[in-house]
N, C-alpha and C. Protein backbone atom coordinates (compact mmCIF):
# COMPACT_ATOMS: atom_id res chain seq x y z
N SER A 1 -51.98 -1.06 10.04
CA SER A 1 -52.69 -2.37 9.76
C SER A 1 -52.35 -3.21 10.96
N LYS A 2 -53.15 -4.41 11.08
CA LYS A 2 -53.02 -5.17 12.16
C LYS A 2 -51.86 -6.04 12.07
N ARG A 3 -51.25 -6.08 11.17
CA ARG A 3 -50.06 -6.97 10.97
C ARG A 3 -48.86 -6.16 11.76
N TRP A 4 -48.91 -4.75 11.58
CA TRP A 4 -47.84 -4.24 12.36
C TRP A 4 -48.07 -4.02 13.66
N GLU A 5 -49.38 -4.03 14.07
CA GLU A 5 -49.69 -3.82 15.65
C GLU A 5 -49.15 -5.02 16.34
N VAL A 6 -49.18 -6.29 15.69
CA VAL A 6 -48.89 -7.50 16.62
C VAL A 6 -47.22 -7.71 16.34
N PHE A 7 -46.65 -7.00 15.47
CA PHE A 7 -45.31 -7.27 15.14
C PHE A 7 -44.42 -7.06 16.44
N PRO A 8 -44.54 -5.94 17.14
CA PRO A 8 -43.29 -5.79 18.38
C PRO A 8 -43.71 -7.00 19.37
N ALA A 9 -45.05 -7.44 19.56
CA ALA A 9 -45.10 -8.73 20.55
C ALA A 9 -44.40 -9.95 19.92
N LYS A 10 -44.67 -10.16 18.56
CA LYS A 10 -43.94 -11.29 18.05
C LYS A 10 -42.48 -11.15 17.99
N LEU A 11 -41.93 -10.08 17.72
CA LEU A 11 -40.47 -9.91 17.78
C LEU A 11 -39.93 -10.24 19.27
N ILE A 12 -40.51 -9.69 20.17
CA ILE A 12 -40.13 -9.81 21.51
C ILE A 12 -40.26 -11.42 22.03
N THR A 13 -41.29 -12.00 21.48
CA THR A 13 -41.43 -13.39 21.82
C THR A 13 -40.36 -14.26 21.11
N ALA A 14 -39.92 -13.91 19.84
CA ALA A 14 -38.92 -14.64 19.17
C ALA A 14 -37.55 -14.29 19.65
N TYR A 15 -37.34 -13.24 20.20
CA TYR A 15 -35.98 -12.79 20.90
C TYR A 15 -35.91 -13.55 22.09
N MET A 16 -36.94 -13.58 22.83
CA MET A 16 -37.00 -14.44 24.18
C MET A 16 -36.79 -15.96 24.09
N LYS A 17 -37.40 -16.52 22.95
CA LYS A 17 -37.27 -17.93 22.75
C LYS A 17 -35.74 -18.22 22.26
N TYR A 18 -35.30 -17.30 21.60
CA TYR A 18 -33.78 -17.43 20.99
C TYR A 18 -32.98 -17.50 22.20
N HIS A 19 -32.93 -16.45 23.07
CA HIS A 19 -32.29 -16.38 24.28
C HIS A 19 -32.34 -17.73 25.24
N ALA A 20 -33.74 -18.12 25.50
CA ALA A 20 -34.05 -19.14 26.30
C ALA A 20 -33.44 -20.47 25.71
N THR A 21 -33.56 -20.67 24.39
CA THR A 21 -32.96 -21.95 23.89
C THR A 21 -31.48 -21.84 24.10
N THR A 22 -30.69 -20.65 23.92
CA THR A 22 -29.24 -20.78 24.15
C THR A 22 -29.01 -20.96 25.55
N LEU A 23 -29.70 -20.55 26.57
CA LEU A 23 -29.46 -20.73 27.99
C LEU A 23 -29.68 -22.26 28.28
N ILE A 24 -30.80 -22.83 27.55
CA ILE A 24 -30.96 -24.28 27.80
C ILE A 24 -29.86 -25.17 27.32
N MET A 25 -29.29 -24.75 25.94
CA MET A 25 -28.12 -25.30 25.35
C MET A 25 -27.01 -25.22 26.22
N ARG A 26 -26.82 -24.25 26.75
CA ARG A 26 -25.51 -24.02 27.81
C ARG A 26 -25.54 -24.92 29.02
N LEU A 27 -26.96 -25.03 29.41
CA LEU A 27 -27.22 -25.85 30.57
C LEU A 27 -26.91 -27.35 30.24
N TYR A 28 -27.54 -27.73 28.98
CA TYR A 28 -27.30 -29.14 28.63
C TYR A 28 -25.94 -29.49 28.31
N GLU A 29 -25.06 -28.45 27.82
CA GLU A 29 -23.42 -28.59 27.66
C GLU A 29 -22.91 -28.76 28.92
N HIS A 30 -23.18 -27.96 29.89
CA HIS A 30 -22.71 -28.11 31.21
C HIS A 30 -22.99 -29.49 31.83
N LEU A 31 -24.04 -30.05 31.80
CA LEU A 31 -24.49 -31.24 32.30
C LEU A 31 -23.73 -32.38 31.51
N ALA A 32 -23.59 -32.11 30.22
CA ALA A 32 -22.79 -33.11 29.48
C ALA A 32 -21.36 -33.15 29.80
N SER A 33 -20.69 -32.20 30.05
CA SER A 33 -19.40 -31.89 30.61
C SER A 33 -19.25 -32.62 31.82
N ARG A 34 -20.15 -32.79 32.57
CA ARG A 34 -20.06 -33.60 33.88
C ARG A 34 -20.23 -35.06 33.86
N SER A 35 -20.91 -35.62 32.68
CA SER A 35 -21.28 -36.85 32.39
C SER A 35 -20.56 -37.63 31.33
N PHE A 36 -19.81 -36.86 30.48
CA PHE A 36 -19.22 -37.57 29.30
C PHE A 36 -17.64 -37.17 29.18
N THR A 37 -16.87 -37.90 28.58
CA THR A 37 -15.45 -37.75 28.31
C THR A 37 -15.23 -36.62 27.33
N LEU A 38 -14.10 -36.16 27.34
CA LEU A 38 -13.75 -35.06 26.37
C LEU A 38 -14.05 -35.39 25.05
N VAL A 39 -13.67 -36.57 24.56
CA VAL A 39 -13.83 -37.15 23.21
C VAL A 39 -15.42 -36.87 22.81
N GLN A 40 -16.15 -37.45 23.86
CA GLN A 40 -17.65 -37.48 23.56
C GLN A 40 -18.25 -36.00 23.63
N LEU A 41 -17.60 -35.31 24.38
CA LEU A 41 -18.09 -33.85 24.47
C LEU A 41 -17.79 -33.16 23.20
N ASP A 42 -16.57 -33.27 22.54
CA ASP A 42 -16.05 -32.79 21.50
C ASP A 42 -17.00 -33.05 20.32
N LYS A 43 -17.41 -34.33 20.31
CA LYS A 43 -18.43 -34.74 19.35
C LYS A 43 -19.82 -33.91 19.40
N LEU A 44 -20.12 -33.79 20.70
CA LEU A 44 -21.55 -33.15 20.90
C LEU A 44 -21.43 -31.70 20.68
N THR A 45 -20.27 -30.98 20.59
CA THR A 45 -20.08 -29.53 20.24
C THR A 45 -19.42 -29.29 19.05
N LEU A 46 -19.21 -30.19 18.19
CA LEU A 46 -18.46 -29.78 17.05
C LEU A 46 -19.32 -29.03 16.07
N ASP A 47 -18.71 -28.24 15.23
CA ASP A 47 -19.21 -27.48 14.18
C ASP A 47 -19.08 -28.31 12.95
N PRO A 48 -20.18 -28.98 12.36
CA PRO A 48 -19.91 -29.84 11.21
C PRO A 48 -19.67 -29.23 9.96
N PHE A 49 -19.98 -27.97 9.75
CA PHE A 49 -19.61 -27.23 8.49
C PHE A 49 -18.02 -26.96 8.52
N SER A 50 -17.49 -26.53 9.74
CA SER A 50 -16.12 -26.23 9.77
C SER A 50 -15.20 -27.62 9.60
N ALA A 51 -15.74 -28.53 10.35
CA ALA A 51 -15.16 -29.83 10.33
C ALA A 51 -15.05 -30.41 8.84
N ALA A 52 -16.09 -30.24 8.18
CA ALA A 52 -16.06 -30.63 6.60
C ALA A 52 -15.06 -29.88 5.78
N LYS A 53 -15.16 -28.47 6.02
CA LYS A 53 -14.02 -27.77 5.33
C LYS A 53 -12.67 -28.18 5.73
N ARG A 54 -12.41 -28.28 6.82
CA ARG A 54 -10.99 -28.78 7.33
C ARG A 54 -10.69 -30.19 6.80
N ARG A 55 -11.69 -31.03 6.82
CA ARG A 55 -11.42 -32.43 6.07
C ARG A 55 -10.96 -32.27 4.60
N GLN A 56 -11.89 -31.43 3.99
CA GLN A 56 -11.65 -31.31 2.48
C GLN A 56 -10.23 -30.69 2.31
N LYS A 57 -9.79 -29.90 3.16
CA LYS A 57 -8.34 -29.17 2.82
C LYS A 57 -7.47 -30.25 3.09
N GLN A 58 -7.55 -31.24 3.95
CA GLN A 58 -6.65 -32.35 4.42
C GLN A 58 -6.70 -33.48 3.35
N GLY A 59 -7.75 -33.31 2.40
CA GLY A 59 -7.82 -34.37 1.31
C GLY A 59 -8.48 -35.69 1.99
N GLU A 60 -9.19 -35.41 3.14
CA GLU A 60 -10.10 -36.69 3.47
C GLU A 60 -11.47 -36.56 3.04
N SER A 61 -12.14 -37.73 2.81
CA SER A 61 -13.45 -37.68 2.47
C SER A 61 -14.21 -38.76 3.15
N PRO A 62 -14.94 -38.65 4.32
CA PRO A 62 -15.63 -39.37 5.00
C PRO A 62 -16.83 -40.11 4.36
N SER A 63 -17.26 -41.18 4.74
CA SER A 63 -18.28 -41.83 4.19
C SER A 63 -19.56 -41.19 4.55
N LEU A 64 -20.67 -41.49 3.75
CA LEU A 64 -21.81 -40.85 4.12
C LEU A 64 -22.39 -40.98 5.48
N MET A 65 -22.15 -42.32 6.04
CA MET A 65 -22.74 -42.75 7.37
C MET A 65 -21.77 -42.08 8.43
N GLU A 66 -20.66 -41.67 7.97
CA GLU A 66 -19.64 -40.96 9.05
C GLU A 66 -20.13 -39.56 9.19
N SER A 67 -20.57 -38.99 8.07
CA SER A 67 -20.98 -37.61 7.94
C SER A 67 -22.31 -37.46 8.76
N VAL A 68 -23.22 -38.31 8.52
CA VAL A 68 -24.48 -38.26 9.15
C VAL A 68 -24.43 -38.40 10.57
N ARG A 69 -23.55 -39.39 10.96
CA ARG A 69 -23.45 -39.54 12.47
C ARG A 69 -22.76 -38.29 13.20
N GLU A 70 -21.89 -37.75 12.63
CA GLU A 70 -21.17 -36.43 12.96
C GLU A 70 -22.27 -35.36 13.15
N ALA A 71 -23.03 -35.20 11.97
CA ALA A 71 -24.02 -34.15 12.07
C ALA A 71 -25.15 -34.38 13.16
N TRP A 72 -25.43 -35.72 13.45
CA TRP A 72 -26.49 -36.03 14.36
C TRP A 72 -25.78 -35.72 15.75
N ASP A 73 -24.70 -36.16 16.02
CA ASP A 73 -24.03 -35.77 17.28
C ASP A 73 -24.01 -34.29 17.47
N ALA A 74 -23.42 -33.66 16.53
CA ALA A 74 -23.26 -32.26 16.65
C ALA A 74 -24.59 -31.35 16.84
N ASN A 75 -25.72 -31.81 16.52
CA ASN A 75 -26.98 -31.10 16.56
C ASN A 75 -27.86 -31.65 17.62
N LEU A 76 -27.48 -32.64 18.40
CA LEU A 76 -28.18 -33.30 19.29
C LEU A 76 -28.50 -32.30 20.53
N ILE A 77 -27.60 -31.52 21.07
CA ILE A 77 -27.92 -30.53 22.22
C ILE A 77 -28.75 -29.58 21.71
N ALA A 78 -28.49 -28.85 20.52
CA ALA A 78 -29.40 -28.01 20.05
C ALA A 78 -30.62 -28.38 19.97
N TYR A 79 -30.93 -29.44 19.38
CA TYR A 79 -32.49 -29.96 19.02
C TYR A 79 -32.93 -30.37 20.40
N LEU A 80 -32.32 -30.85 21.36
CA LEU A 80 -32.89 -31.02 22.71
C LEU A 80 -33.28 -29.81 23.35
N ALA A 81 -32.43 -28.88 23.20
CA ALA A 81 -32.73 -27.48 23.77
C ALA A 81 -34.11 -26.93 23.36
N ASP A 82 -34.07 -27.01 22.08
CA ASP A 82 -35.31 -26.27 21.23
C ASP A 82 -36.45 -27.22 21.50
N TYR A 83 -36.37 -28.57 21.66
CA TYR A 83 -37.53 -29.39 21.87
C TYR A 83 -37.99 -29.10 23.44
N SER A 84 -37.15 -29.02 24.37
CA SER A 84 -37.52 -28.69 25.82
C SER A 84 -38.00 -27.43 25.89
N LEU A 85 -37.82 -26.37 25.21
CA LEU A 85 -38.37 -25.14 25.23
C LEU A 85 -39.65 -25.28 24.89
N HIS A 86 -39.93 -25.92 23.72
CA HIS A 86 -41.20 -25.89 23.07
C HIS A 86 -42.08 -26.91 24.08
N GLN A 87 -41.76 -27.83 24.88
CA GLN A 87 -42.48 -28.61 25.87
C GLN A 87 -42.74 -27.83 27.03
N ILE A 88 -42.05 -26.87 27.34
CA ILE A 88 -42.33 -26.02 28.49
C ILE A 88 -43.26 -25.00 28.05
N ILE A 89 -43.25 -24.43 26.73
CA ILE A 89 -44.32 -23.49 26.32
C ILE A 89 -45.61 -24.02 26.11
């Protein structure tokens, strides 16, 4: 069927986009490390899920706005990398 004929090309395209996004993310992280302090860099590279689990074990419960801000900061580099790639393509 035609669906399976185009599958290899789509698979390769998805694989290349994934790795290109990863490379762009690493570039942005490198640029951020030159421009921001370690505290700001930690916020930009934080894993929000692990941080939430760690907070729960410690008995902390951040406010909704703190959680949203943390998630925003942590996903900013990944979002910008994906957006940049789609602007290039």
